[in-house]
Amino acid sequence: MVKLIICSLFLLLFPGISHAFAETPQSGPAEDSAVILMYHRFGNSKYPTTNVTLEQFDAQIAELKKQQYHIVPLDRIITAFRNGTKLPPRSIAISIDDAYLSILDNAWPRLKAAGFPFTLFVATEPVSKNIPGYMSWQQIRALAKDPLVTIGRHSKNHGHLIYMSAEKAAKDIDAATEIYRRELGFVPDIFAWPFGEYSPALEKILKKKNIRAAFGQYSSAASSRRDIYALPRFAFNEKYAKMSRFRLIINARALPVHDILPLSPVIDHNPPQPGFTVDKDVRGLSALACYPSHMTKAADISRIGGNRVEVRFDTPLPQGRSRLNCTMPGPDRRWYWFGMPFFVK
């Protein structure tokens, strides 16, 4: 009875939160799958490659309000993956990178009104230098007081960590740590890789610093099968925020795979030879198609023993960031979506 009274008072004080955290019909069995959305700017068309228009964002929020979706804090997904527990179907988390001022002016009021939790990954240097277009630490502290908002780490200067020595990358992360402690009074324990770039060596640095999870920037549904220090996120901008793509993404489910190769996204052998094994209970694998981001056609797929998938293409990856997207129809008209990032130095 006491617990019920406390919960009721909490919802009265924060009515918007009820939509995000209240128990709703799951509309299907629990699953080892989640979709993590990624944004940067809102309503700032001066930067179309990192911006969504307010019309696009309003339409996306309206879609997410529908009952079949479960908008959850990012921490709930991390905890489920680390503990091996399942999530409601269509579990979705919202993340935003870089602390641009349009987040405060345009995104926060809309997400707050919808009762949607979100995570803000803050690169410290642009904020500390008062660069125009970024929030101030005072504004970020105000955001951090909102029960719907979680602050995450994003390095100090938002540099390309994979091009740094391990020592220099660790110093950058440590410098940001001290700024978080001084400005916020705490140090976030989740991390977003700048530009989505990471490597096994960089992951070791985060593990030593007690980071619970880290996030990349490549298209894929997430699951506990994936590296907890390189979880995927679907990025949106003006070009790639159409409602048809948005609905496809938020209804996606993780393809259950294991024995993923190559082990590192930093490519030495180019083109790489990706491969993964799909769980035997997945049906319809003949419909799987894999698309390298640097090509206009699908890659060749070979299946070994029925459920081992080997992906091959002859065109080498260009320097910089590339991706492989593998999709196929799944149950309930939801698509399986499995992605891999590649980095060529």
Foldseek 3Di string as FASTA:
>chain_A
DVVVVVVVVVCVVQVLQCLQPPDADLVDDFAQWEAEAEAEAECDCVCQVRYAYLVLVVVLLVVCSDRNAHQYAPVVNLVCLVVVHTGRALYYAYEYEAQFVRCVVPVVVVCSNNSHAYEYEHAAACQVVVPPRGDHLVSVLVVCPDPRYHYAYEWHPLDQLVVDDLVVRLVRRVVVQVVCCVSNVHHHQEYEYRQQDDWPSNVVSSVVVNRSAYEGEDDAIFGSQDDRNYTYHDYDGHVQSDPVNSVLRSNATAFAWHPWPDPTQEDDDWPDKTKIFGDPVFPDCVQKWKDKQVDPDTFDWDDDPNGIIITDDDDTDDAAKIKMWIWGAGPPRHIHIDMDMHHYD
